[in-house]
Amino acid sequence: MRFGVGDTSLIEKLRKLAAKASEASGLELVHVEIAGSKNNQIVRIYIDKPDGVVHEDCSAVSTLVGDEIEEQDLIASAYTLEVSSPGIERGLYRLEDFERFSDSLAKVKTFSPINGQRKFRGRIVGVEAGEIVFDDKTNGVVRFPYSNVAKAKLEIDIEEEIRRANLGKS
């Protein structure tokens, strides 16, 4: 059975393959997405581990997932498989990510406005009763359900990074 770019069944199958491959390699699956056109799809898989991802980690997951895609004949057209770290400003894709990165700087865009605002920058306070508590630089503390999050990602705290670098030099 073959799937197209917009087919949620494909993304779910790819997510399961990537989760299995990541787990087998001792890694965390962060996110799976499909981009590109119907005839030239890009499958992006983001993986992580506490001490950071290295090339060999990406290669191992890429091989396992690529072999399964071919074996199961999941993608009918040409495709590119990209496996990488989520990066320093990693996306926040699950409610658990907001819990895990409490007290971190982040940018959040919501589907519907909260007090007339849809874009927030500030610090994740935490998660309480299924709602994200966020200390926005402009409007202070706001609360919103995860279902209202359109997009979210961590933001580098430059001052904190400079402090850490200077502490390491001492």
Protein backbone atom coordinates (compact mmCIF):
# COMPACT_ATOMS: atom_id res chain seq x y z
CA MET A 1 0.00 0.00 0.00
CA ARG A 2 1.32 3.44 -0.95
CA PHE A 3 0.63 6.74 0.75
CA GLY A 4 0.85 10.38 -0.33
CA VAL A 5 2.23 13.52 1.34
CA GLY A 6 -1.01 14.61 3.01
CA ASP A 7 -1.96 11.15 4.27
CA THR A 8 -1.97 11.02 8.07
CA SER A 9 -1.62 7.24 7.87
CA LEU A 10 1.82 7.72 6.32
CA ILE A 11 3.00 10.06 9.06
CA GLU A 12 1.72 7.65 11.71
CA LYS A 13 3.49 4.70 10.06
CA LEU A 14 6.69 6.71 9.77
CA ARG A 15 6.40 7.82 13.40
CA LYS A 16 6.08 4.18 14.52
CA LEU A 17 9.07 3.13 12.39
CA ALA A 18 11.15 6.05 13.67
CA ALA A 19 10.16 5.38 17.30
CA LYS A 20 11.15 1.73 16.99
CA ALA A 21 14.46 2.61 15.28
CA SER A 22 15.24 5.35 17.82
CA GLU A 23 14.48 3.11 20.78
CA ALA A 24 16.64 0.32 19.31
CA SER A 25 19.50 2.84 19.12
CA GLY A 26 18.97 4.19 22.66
CA LEU A 27 17.61 7.51 21.40
CA GLU A 28 14.53 9.67 21.95
CA LEU A 29 12.28 10.32 18.97
CA VAL A 30 11.47 14.03 19.06
CA HIS A 31 9.43 14.55 15.89
CA VAL A 32 8.62 13.27 12.40
CA GLU A 33 7.40 15.48 9.57
CA ILE A 34 6.87 15.31 5.82
CA ALA A 35 7.67 18.26 3.58
CA GLY A 36 8.21 18.85 -0.12
CA SER A 37 5.93 18.06 -3.04
CA LYS A 38 3.93 14.93 -3.73
CA ASN A 39 6.55 13.80 -6.25
CA ASN A 40 9.60 14.70 -4.17
CA GLN A 41 8.87 14.22 -0.49
CA ILE A 42 11.24 14.98 2.36
CA VAL A 43 10.85 12.83 5.45
CA ARG A 44 12.46 14.55 8.45
CA ILE A 45 13.12 12.68 11.65
CA TYR A 46 14.47 14.48 14.72
CA ILE A 47 16.19 12.41 17.42
CA ASP A 48 17.93 13.27 20.67
CA LYS A 49 19.75 11.86 23.68
CA PRO A 50 21.00 13.47 26.90
CA ASP A 51 24.61 13.89 25.80
CA GLY A 52 23.72 14.99 22.26
CA VAL A 53 23.32 13.25 18.93
CA VAL A 54 26.32 12.29 16.81
CA HIS A 55 26.53 11.36 13.13
CA GLU A 56 26.50 7.64 13.92
CA ASP A 57 23.15 8.00 15.74
CA CYS A 58 21.58 9.68 12.72
CA SER A 59 23.08 7.11 10.38
CA ALA A 60 21.77 4.17 12.42
CA VAL A 61 18.21 5.53 12.53
CA SER A 62 18.35 6.50 8.86
CA THR A 63 19.40 2.99 7.84
CA LEU A 64 16.74 1.27 9.96
CA VAL A 65 13.91 3.56 8.83
CA GLY A 66 15.06 3.67 5.20
CA ASP A 67 15.17 -0.11 4.99
CA GLU A 68 11.64 -0.35 6.41
CA ILE A 69 10.27 2.31 4.05
CA GLU A 70 11.66 0.35 1.11
CA GLU A 71 10.61 -3.06 2.45
CA GLN A 72 7.05 -1.91 3.13
CA ASP A 73 6.94 0.20 -0.08
CA LEU A 74 5.46 3.11 1.90
CA ILE A 75 6.35 5.99 -0.41
CA ALA A 76 5.44 5.75 -4.09
CA SER A 77 7.55 8.64 -5.41
CA ALA A 78 11.09 9.90 -4.96
CA TYR A 79 11.84 10.94 -1.39
CA THR A 80 14.69 12.17 0.77
CA LEU A 81 15.15 10.88 4.30
CA GLU A 82 16.76 13.34 6.72
CA VAL A 83 17.64 12.34 10.29
CA SER A 84 19.09 14.94 12.63
CA SER A 85 19.19 16.47 16.08
CA PRO A 86 16.34 18.87 16.87
CA GLY A 87 18.94 21.59 17.43
CA ILE A 88 19.39 24.08 20.23
CA GLU A 89 16.06 25.79 19.59
CA ARG A 90 14.18 22.50 19.40
CA GLY A 91 10.49 22.36 18.72
CA LEU A 92 8.05 21.53 21.50
CA TYR A 93 5.67 18.96 20.04
CA ARG A 94 3.99 17.39 23.09
CA LEU A 95 2.62 18.51 26.42
CA GLU A 96 5.42 16.46 28.01
CA ASP A 97 7.96 18.71 26.25
CA PHE A 98 6.56 21.72 28.10
CA GLU A 99 6.89 19.82 31.40
CA ARG A 100 10.41 18.68 30.59
CA PHE A 101 11.58 22.16 29.61
CA SER A 102 9.92 24.08 32.45
CA ASP A 103 11.92 27.19 33.33
CA SER A 104 13.30 27.40 29.77
CA LEU A 105 12.88 30.31 27.38
CA ALA A 106 10.50 29.64 24.51
CA LYS A 107 8.41 31.13 21.72
CA VAL A 108 4.80 29.98 21.39
CA LYS A 109 2.19 30.76 18.76
CA THR A 110 -1.42 29.88 19.54
CA PHE A 111 -4.32 29.12 17.21
CA SER A 112 -6.68 31.50 18.98
CA PRO A 113 -5.75 34.69 20.83
CA ILE A 114 -5.32 34.90 24.57
CA ASN A 115 -6.06 38.43 25.81
CA GLY A 116 -5.77 39.59 22.18
CA GLN A 117 -2.34 37.99 21.67
CA ARG A 118 -1.30 34.92 19.64
CA LYS A 119 2.52 35.13 19.78
CA PHE A 120 4.30 34.77 23.11
CA ARG A 121 7.97 34.99 24.11
CA GLY A 122 9.13 34.25 27.59
CA ARG A 123 9.65 31.39 30.01
CA ILE A 124 7.76 28.14 30.42
CA VAL A 125 6.57 28.07 34.03
CA GLY A 126 5.21 24.53 33.78
CA VAL A 127 2.09 22.49 33.21
CA GLU A 128 -0.82 22.55 35.66
CA ALA A 129 -4.08 20.63 35.22
CA GLY A 130 -3.30 20.02 31.54
CA GLU A 131 -2.68 23.70 30.82
CA ILE A 132 0.61 25.33 29.91
CA VAL A 133 1.61 28.13 32.27
CA PHE A 134 3.79 30.64 30.45
CA ASP A 135 5.45 33.84 31.69
CA ASP A 136 5.22 36.12 28.66
CA LYS A 137 7.66 39.05 28.45
CA THR A 138 4.85 41.40 27.39
CA ASN A 139 1.75 40.34 29.34
CA GLY A 140 3.05 38.33 32.28
CA VAL A 141 1.73 34.91 33.21
CA VAL A 142 -0.82 33.36 30.84
CA ARG A 143 -2.41 29.91 30.75
CA PHE A 144 -3.61 28.00 27.72
CA PRO A 145 -4.46 24.42 26.80
CA TYR A 146 -1.93 22.49 24.74
CA SER A 147 -4.63 22.10 22.07
CA ASN A 148 -4.31 25.86 21.42
CA VAL A 149 -0.58 25.60 20.57
CA ALA A 150 0.00 26.07 16.84
CA LYS A 151 3.80 26.11 17.08
CA ALA A 152 6.35 26.24 19.89
CA LYS A 153 10.10 26.06 20.24
CA LEU A 154 12.80 26.67 22.78
CA GLU A 155 14.76 29.89 22.53
CA ILE A 156 18.42 30.29 23.39
CA ASP A 157 19.12 32.30 26.53
CA ILE A 158 22.23 34.13 25.27
CA GLU A 159 23.06 35.62 28.67
CA GLU A 160 22.86 32.19 30.33
CA GLU A 161 25.06 30.64 27.62
CA ILE A 162 27.68 33.38 28.12
CA ARG A 163 27.60 32.82 31.91
CA ARG A 164 28.08 29.06 31.41
CA ALA A 165 30.97 29.64 28.98
CA ASN A 166 32.66 32.01 31.44
CA LEU A 167 32.20 29.55 34.33
CA GLY A 168 33.85 26.87 32.23
CA LYS A 169 36.93 29.08 31.74
CA SER A 170 37.51 29.55 35.48
